[in-house]
Amino acid sequence: MSKHTPGPWEILRYCNVRDNDPDAVGVGSDMGIVADVWKDGVMEEAGDANAKLIAAAPELLKMLEIAGAYVKEMGSEHSWPSAIEEDYRNIRAAIAKAEGRP
């Protein structure tokens, strides 16, 4: 498991004192903000979507770990078709990327 701030994370709206932005958006938990999400004018919709994706990251990582364990268990009981082998490699690669591993 990576050493990220534990979830759940939520979208936080606050006043960014540094930029005097009354509608700054961040993602965080009771342990603090884990990301500031830039949004301005035409980027407002993308900023909100990015905040939602970042906020979901801890749960997405957990579900990838569960899916990877399930696929691995199924593979030990059955002969894997090549598509499932590729899915398993992709799951492991996504987890490694989230954890900052090559």
Protein backbone atom coordinates (compact mmCIF):
# COMPACT_ATOMS: atom_id res chain seq x y z
CA MET A 1 0.00 0.00 0.00
CA SER A 2 1.26 3.44 -0.86
CA LYS A 3 1.76 6.07 1.79
CA HIS A 4 -0.92 8.49 0.56
CA THR A 5 -3.32 10.28 2.88
CA PRO A 6 -5.95 7.71 3.83
CA GLY A 7 -9.39 8.10 2.31
CA PRO A 8 -12.15 8.79 2.08
CA TRP A 9 -11.42 12.04 0.30
CA GLU A 10 -14.04 14.66 -0.42
CA ILE A 11 -14.36 17.76 -2.55
CA LEU A 12 -13.76 20.90 -0.52
CA ARG A 13 -14.80 24.39 -1.57
CA TYR A 14 -13.01 27.18 0.22
CA CYS A 15 -11.62 30.67 -0.19
CA ASN A 16 -8.04 30.54 -1.45
CA VAL A 17 -6.49 33.43 0.49
CA ARG A 18 -3.33 33.42 -1.62
CA ASP A 19 -5.22 34.11 -4.85
CA ASN A 20 -8.29 35.65 -3.22
CA ASP A 21 -10.40 33.09 -5.05
CA PRO A 22 -13.73 32.71 -3.21
CA ASP A 23 -14.56 29.44 -4.97
CA ALA A 24 -11.34 27.47 -4.81
CA VAL A 25 -11.72 23.71 -5.06
CA GLY A 26 -9.60 21.13 -3.36
CA VAL A 27 -9.72 17.50 -2.41
CA GLY A 28 -8.95 16.30 1.05
CA SER A 29 -9.91 14.60 4.25
CA ASP A 30 -9.94 15.43 7.91
CA MET A 31 -6.14 15.15 7.66
CA GLY A 32 -5.98 18.14 5.29
CA ILE A 33 -6.03 19.05 1.62
CA VAL A 34 -4.38 16.52 -0.70
CA ALA A 35 -4.86 18.49 -3.94
CA ASP A 36 -5.85 21.93 -5.14
CA VAL A 37 -7.86 21.74 -8.34
CA TRP A 38 -7.45 24.58 -10.79
CA LYS A 39 -10.65 25.88 -12.28
CA ASP A 40 -11.23 29.20 -13.91
CA GLY A 41 -13.86 30.31 -16.39
CA VAL A 42 -13.94 27.83 -19.27
CA MET A 43 -12.14 25.24 -17.14
CA GLU A 44 -14.80 25.21 -14.43
CA GLU A 45 -16.54 22.05 -15.66
CA ALA A 46 -13.21 20.24 -16.12
CA GLY A 47 -12.06 21.42 -12.69
CA ASP A 48 -15.14 19.94 -11.04
CA ALA A 49 -14.72 16.68 -12.99
CA ASN A 50 -11.04 16.50 -12.02
CA ALA A 51 -11.92 17.07 -8.36
CA LYS A 52 -14.45 14.20 -8.50
CA LEU A 53 -11.88 11.86 -10.05
CA ILE A 54 -9.20 12.77 -7.50
CA ALA A 55 -11.67 12.38 -4.62
CA ALA A 56 -12.52 8.86 -5.83
CA ALA A 57 -8.85 7.78 -6.05
CA PRO A 58 -8.57 5.96 -2.68
CA GLU A 59 -11.72 3.91 -3.39
CA LEU A 60 -10.63 3.22 -6.97
CA LEU A 61 -7.25 1.96 -5.74
CA LYS A 62 -8.92 -0.27 -3.15
CA MET A 63 -11.27 -1.73 -5.77
CA LEU A 64 -8.37 -2.37 -8.15
CA GLU A 65 -6.59 -4.26 -5.38
CA ILE A 66 -9.73 -6.34 -4.73
CA ALA A 67 -10.24 -6.98 -8.46
CA GLY A 68 -6.60 -7.96 -8.87
CA ALA A 69 -6.81 -10.43 -5.98
CA TYR A 70 -10.02 -11.88 -7.42
CA VAL A 71 -8.58 -12.28 -10.91
CA LYS A 72 -5.41 -13.83 -9.48
CA GLU A 73 -7.47 -16.31 -7.44
CA MET A 74 -9.57 -17.21 -10.48
CA GLY A 75 -6.40 -17.73 -12.47
CA SER A 76 -5.03 -20.18 -9.93
CA GLU A 77 -8.21 -22.28 -10.29
CA HIS A 78 -8.65 -22.07 -14.06
CA SER A 79 -6.60 -21.70 -17.17
CA TRP A 80 -6.68 -18.02 -18.11
CA PRO A 81 -7.62 -16.85 -21.58
CA SER A 82 -5.06 -14.36 -22.87
CA ALA A 83 -7.53 -11.45 -22.45
CA ILE A 84 -7.78 -12.10 -18.70
CA GLU A 85 -4.00 -12.33 -18.42
CA GLU A 86 -3.77 -8.93 -20.09
CA ASP A 87 -6.46 -7.52 -17.77
CA TYR A 88 -4.53 -8.79 -14.75
CA ARG A 89 -1.29 -7.20 -16.02
CA ASN A 90 -3.17 -3.92 -16.59
CA ILE A 91 -4.65 -4.02 -13.06
CA ARG A 92 -1.19 -4.61 -11.56
CA ALA A 93 0.30 -1.81 -13.70
CA ALA A 94 -2.41 0.65 -12.60
CA ILE A 95 -1.81 -0.21 -8.93
CA ALA A 96 1.94 0.20 -9.38
CA LYS A 97 1.41 3.59 -11.05
CA ALA A 98 -0.83 4.74 -8.18
CA GLU A 99 1.82 3.65 -5.71
CA GLY A 100 4.66 5.32 -7.63
CA ARG A 101 6.35 2.09 -8.64
CA PRO A 102 7.67 1.27 -12.13
